[in-house]
């Protein structure tokens, strides 16, 4: 994939916040193309003993969820762990893995948030702008916004509300399992993000491309020791 070099990777929180404020106006919500056939999931695993972050990207076909490509990368973590600024810690290694894919996905799912973010510009939005590609955030925890309680049954959901407007959906992807937090990143709408995530579910909490990437990254972390 073609990756735009829109900014140097900062070393300080102040620099990172400035970049977020500058770039966030470029994150766009618009319907996905009707012919999305390839969806990628990307995730990372961090090893504090080596200060290494391992990234994995896995591409699956829709609607049959067959794996068609995967790639991995590792890199020293050079930015501190700061909630809301994960793109600056994980972005470089995630882009390194994505660059190694031999096919171009139509949409990429990130373990993190899109616009469901304090500054409406989470990991999925940020890397979506850099990649100029449709992206979706699928997070395990809420970072911003409020929602009504949802039932324990699979399929239970509630709008995630931030600044009096919906920014995503809280969705119970498996009965009696903690919900996931879905939000559009770039070149995607809330409804399209939810539809893609649900299409990628195969009986687990996380959508299959993301689950596969998560396992890859953690396997590389284990095997590196």
Protein backbone atom coordinates (compact mmCIF):
# COMPACT_ATOMS: atom_id res chain seq x y z
CA UNK A 1 0.00 0.00 0.00
CA UNK A 2 1.05 3.57 -0.61
CA UNK A 3 1.77 5.32 2.68
CA UNK A 4 1.81 9.09 2.87
CA UNK A 5 4.51 10.68 5.01
CA UNK A 6 2.31 13.37 6.52
CA UNK A 7 4.43 14.14 9.58
CA UNK A 8 7.54 13.04 11.46
CA UNK A 9 6.84 10.77 14.42
CA UNK A 10 7.08 12.96 17.53
CA UNK A 11 8.91 12.32 20.77
CA UNK A 12 6.75 14.40 23.14
CA UNK A 13 3.10 14.57 24.13
CA UNK A 14 2.88 18.22 23.12
CA UNK A 15 4.12 17.49 19.59
CA UNK A 16 1.69 14.58 19.27
CA UNK A 17 -1.30 16.65 20.36
CA UNK A 18 -0.39 19.34 17.86
CA UNK A 19 -0.25 16.79 15.03
CA UNK A 20 -3.63 15.36 16.05
CA UNK A 21 -5.24 18.78 16.04
CA UNK A 22 -3.80 19.54 12.59
CA UNK A 23 -4.72 16.23 10.93
CA UNK A 24 -8.11 15.51 12.46
CA UNK A 25 -9.96 17.75 9.99
CA UNK A 26 -8.88 15.35 7.23
CA UNK A 27 -10.77 12.37 8.70
CA UNK A 28 -13.92 11.95 6.61
CA UNK A 29 -17.09 9.95 7.19
CA UNK A 30 -18.60 8.72 3.93
CA UNK A 31 -20.19 5.45 2.76
CA UNK A 32 -17.91 2.58 1.87
CA UNK A 33 -17.77 1.51 -1.77
CA UNK A 34 -20.31 -1.26 -2.45
CA UNK A 35 -17.66 -3.72 -3.67
CA UNK A 36 -15.52 -4.15 -0.53
CA UNK A 37 -14.16 -7.68 -0.83
CA UNK A 38 -10.95 -7.64 1.23
CA UNK A 39 -10.81 -6.64 4.89
CA UNK A 40 -7.64 -6.48 6.98
CA UNK A 41 -7.24 -6.67 10.72
CA UNK A 42 -4.14 -5.27 12.42
CA UNK A 43 -2.99 -5.54 16.02
CA UNK A 44 0.11 -5.26 18.19
CA UNK A 45 1.72 -6.96 21.19
CA UNK A 46 4.25 -5.20 23.39
CA UNK A 47 7.16 -6.85 25.21
CA UNK A 48 8.35 -4.55 28.03
CA UNK A 49 11.48 -6.65 28.64
CA UNK A 50 12.78 -5.86 25.14
CA UNK A 51 10.85 -2.61 24.64
CA UNK A 52 9.68 -4.11 21.36
CA UNK A 53 6.27 -3.83 19.75
CA UNK A 54 5.20 -6.64 17.42
CA UNK A 55 2.60 -5.88 14.75
CA UNK A 56 0.60 -8.18 12.52
CA UNK A 57 -1.75 -7.59 9.61
CA UNK A 58 -4.09 -10.22 8.19
CA UNK A 59 -6.30 -9.86 5.12
CA UNK A 60 -9.50 -11.89 4.74
CA UNK A 61 -12.05 -12.09 1.95
CA UNK A 62 -15.70 -11.14 2.37
CA UNK A 63 -18.13 -12.74 2.93
CA UNK A 64 -16.46 -16.16 3.33
CA UNK A 65 -13.69 -15.02 5.71
CA UNK A 66 -10.84 -16.86 3.96
CA UNK A 67 -7.34 -15.60 4.73
CA UNK A 68 -5.61 -14.30 1.62
CA UNK A 69 -2.53 -12.54 3.00
CA UNK A 70 -0.66 -11.67 6.17
CA UNK A 71 2.42 -9.75 7.24
CA UNK A 72 4.29 -8.98 10.44
CA UNK A 73 6.83 -6.49 11.74
CA UNK A 74 8.57 -5.45 14.95
CA UNK A 75 10.01 -2.19 16.15
CA UNK A 76 11.39 -0.55 19.26
CA UNK A 77 8.71 1.48 21.06
CA UNK A 78 9.84 5.10 20.93
CA UNK A 79 6.77 6.92 22.24
CA UNK A 80 5.35 6.53 25.77
CA UNK A 81 2.05 4.90 26.59
CA UNK A 82 -0.45 7.78 26.79
CA UNK A 83 -4.21 7.12 26.44
CA UNK A 84 -5.56 8.89 23.39
CA UNK A 85 -2.16 8.97 21.67
CA UNK A 86 -1.75 5.31 20.73
CA UNK A 87 -1.26 6.18 17.07
CA UNK A 88 2.12 7.66 17.92
CA UNK A 89 3.25 4.60 19.87
CA UNK A 90 1.86 1.89 17.59
CA UNK A 91 1.53 3.69 14.25
CA UNK A 92 5.11 3.22 12.99
CA UNK A 93 5.17 -0.55 13.52
CA UNK A 94 1.61 -1.03 12.24
CA UNK A 95 2.46 0.84 9.03
CA UNK A 96 5.60 -1.28 8.70
CA UNK A 97 3.49 -4.46 8.76
CA UNK A 98 0.81 -3.05 6.44
CA UNK A 99 3.49 -2.01 3.94
CA UNK A 100 4.56 -5.67 3.69
CA UNK A 101 1.16 -6.92 2.54
CA UNK A 102 1.12 -8.16 -1.03
CA UNK A 103 -2.57 -7.33 -1.55
CA UNK A 104 -4.36 -4.05 -0.90
CA UNK A 105 -7.32 -4.35 1.48
CA UNK A 106 -10.50 -2.42 0.80
CA UNK A 107 -10.94 -1.62 4.49
CA UNK A 108 -8.73 -2.02 7.56
CA UNK A 109 -9.90 -2.76 11.11
CA UNK A 110 -7.68 -1.45 13.90
CA UNK A 111 -7.62 -2.49 17.54
CA UNK A 112 -8.44 0.97 18.80
CA UNK A 113 -10.83 3.82 18.19
CA UNK A 114 -11.78 5.94 15.23
CA UNK A 115 -13.85 9.02 15.98
CA UNK A 116 -14.90 7.63 19.40
CA UNK A 117 -11.97 9.52 20.83
CA UNK A 118 -11.61 12.66 23.00
CA UNK A 119 -10.39 14.63 19.98
CA UNK A 120 -12.41 12.62 17.42
CA UNK A 121 -9.15 11.30 15.95
CA UNK A 122 -8.10 7.93 17.30
CA UNK A 123 -5.70 5.34 15.95
CA UNK A 124 -8.04 4.17 13.16
CA UNK A 125 -8.74 7.73 12.00
CA UNK A 126 -5.09 8.78 12.12
CA UNK A 127 -3.74 5.81 10.18
CA UNK A 128 -6.68 5.93 7.82
CA UNK A 129 -5.69 9.46 6.81
CA UNK A 130 -2.04 8.42 6.39
CA UNK A 131 -3.04 5.39 4.28
CA UNK A 132 -5.85 7.22 2.44
CA UNK A 133 -7.88 4.08 3.02
CA UNK A 134 -11.23 3.25 4.67
CA UNK A 135 -10.65 2.27 8.29
CA UNK A 136 -12.65 1.09 11.29
CA UNK A 137 -11.89 1.17 14.99
CA UNK A 138 -12.81 -1.91 17.03
CA UNK A 139 -11.73 -1.48 20.65
CA UNK A 140 -12.04 -3.61 23.74
CA UNK A 141 -12.53 -0.63 26.07
CA UNK A 142 -14.29 2.72 25.95
CA UNK A 143 -12.03 5.74 25.62
CA UNK A 144 -14.64 8.50 25.31
CA UNK A 145 -18.40 8.89 25.20
CA UNK A 146 -21.36 7.50 27.11
CA UNK A 147 -23.83 4.71 26.42
CA UNK A 148 -26.90 3.08 27.94
CA UNK A 149 -26.58 -0.39 29.48
CA UNK A 150 -26.99 -3.27 27.06
CA UNK A 151 -28.27 -6.80 27.62
CA UNK A 152 -26.09 -9.84 28.08
CA UNK A 153 -27.40 -11.49 24.92
CA UNK A 154 -25.41 -11.60 21.68
CA UNK A 155 -26.36 -8.68 19.47
CA UNK A 156 -27.18 -6.30 22.33
CA UNK A 157 -26.11 -2.79 21.41
CA UNK A 158 -26.29 0.90 22.27
CA UNK A 159 -25.18 4.08 20.57
CA UNK A 160 -21.93 5.53 21.84
CA UNK A 161 -22.59 9.24 22.37
CA UNK A 162 -19.95 11.97 22.51
CA UNK A 163 -20.75 15.68 22.58
CA UNK A 164 -24.44 14.91 22.11
CA UNK A 165 -24.03 12.91 18.90
CA UNK A 166 -23.38 9.26 18.04
CA UNK A 167 -19.76 8.39 17.29
CA UNK A 168 -20.05 4.60 17.25
CA UNK A 169 -21.80 1.54 18.61
CA UNK A 170 -21.27 -0.56 21.72
CA UNK A 171 -21.96 -4.12 20.57
CA UNK A 172 -22.20 -7.45 22.41
CA UNK A 173 -20.57 -9.79 19.90
CA UNK A 174 -20.90 -12.87 22.10
CA UNK A 175 -23.32 -13.74 24.89
CA UNK A 176 -22.14 -12.72 28.38
CA UNK A 177 -18.82 -11.45 27.02
CA UNK A 178 -17.70 -7.83 27.36
CA UNK A 179 -18.86 -5.68 24.42
CA UNK A 180 -16.70 -4.20 21.70
CA UNK A 181 -16.63 -0.52 20.77
CA UNK A 182 -17.05 0.10 17.04
CA UNK A 183 -16.44 3.47 15.39
CA UNK A 184 -15.59 4.69 11.90
CA UNK A 185 -12.02 5.81 11.34
CA UNK A 186 -11.77 7.34 7.87
CA UNK A 187 -13.80 7.10 4.64
CA UNK A 188 -16.46 5.08 6.46
CA UNK A 189 -19.76 5.66 8.27
CA UNK A 190 -20.96 4.27 11.60
CA UNK A 191 -23.47 1.97 9.89
CA UNK A 192 -20.85 0.65 7.45
CA UNK A 193 -18.35 0.10 10.28
CA UNK A 194 -20.92 -1.90 12.25
CA UNK A 195 -21.93 -3.91 9.19
CA UNK A 196 -18.34 -4.87 8.34
CA UNK A 197 -17.54 -5.88 11.92
CA UNK A 198 -20.65 -8.05 12.18
CA UNK A 199 -19.90 -9.68 8.81
CA UNK A 200 -16.44 -10.60 10.13
CA UNK A 201 -17.62 -12.22 13.37
CA UNK A 202 -17.26 -15.98 13.63
CA UNK A 203 -18.44 -16.81 17.12
CA UNK A 204 -15.74 -14.95 19.05
CA UNK A 205 -15.65 -11.55 20.71
CA UNK A 206 -13.41 -10.01 18.03
CA UNK A 207 -13.93 -10.03 14.25
CA UNK A 208 -11.91 -12.76 12.58
CA UNK A 209 -9.24 -10.60 10.85
CA UNK A 210 -8.53 -8.80 14.12
CA UNK A 211 -8.51 -12.03 16.13
CA UNK A 212 -6.04 -13.59 13.71
CA UNK A 213 -3.75 -10.56 13.78
CA UNK A 214 -3.90 -10.51 17.58
CA UNK A 215 -2.77 -14.14 17.73
CA UNK A 216 0.02 -13.53 15.21
CA UNK A 217 1.44 -10.56 17.10
CA UNK A 218 1.35 -12.35 20.43
CA UNK A 219 2.96 -15.45 18.94
CA UNK A 220 5.82 -13.35 17.59
CA UNK A 221 6.20 -11.76 21.03
CA UNK A 222 6.45 -15.18 22.71
CA UNK A 223 8.84 -16.59 20.16
CA UNK A 224 11.19 -13.60 20.34
CA UNK A 225 12.25 -14.35 23.91
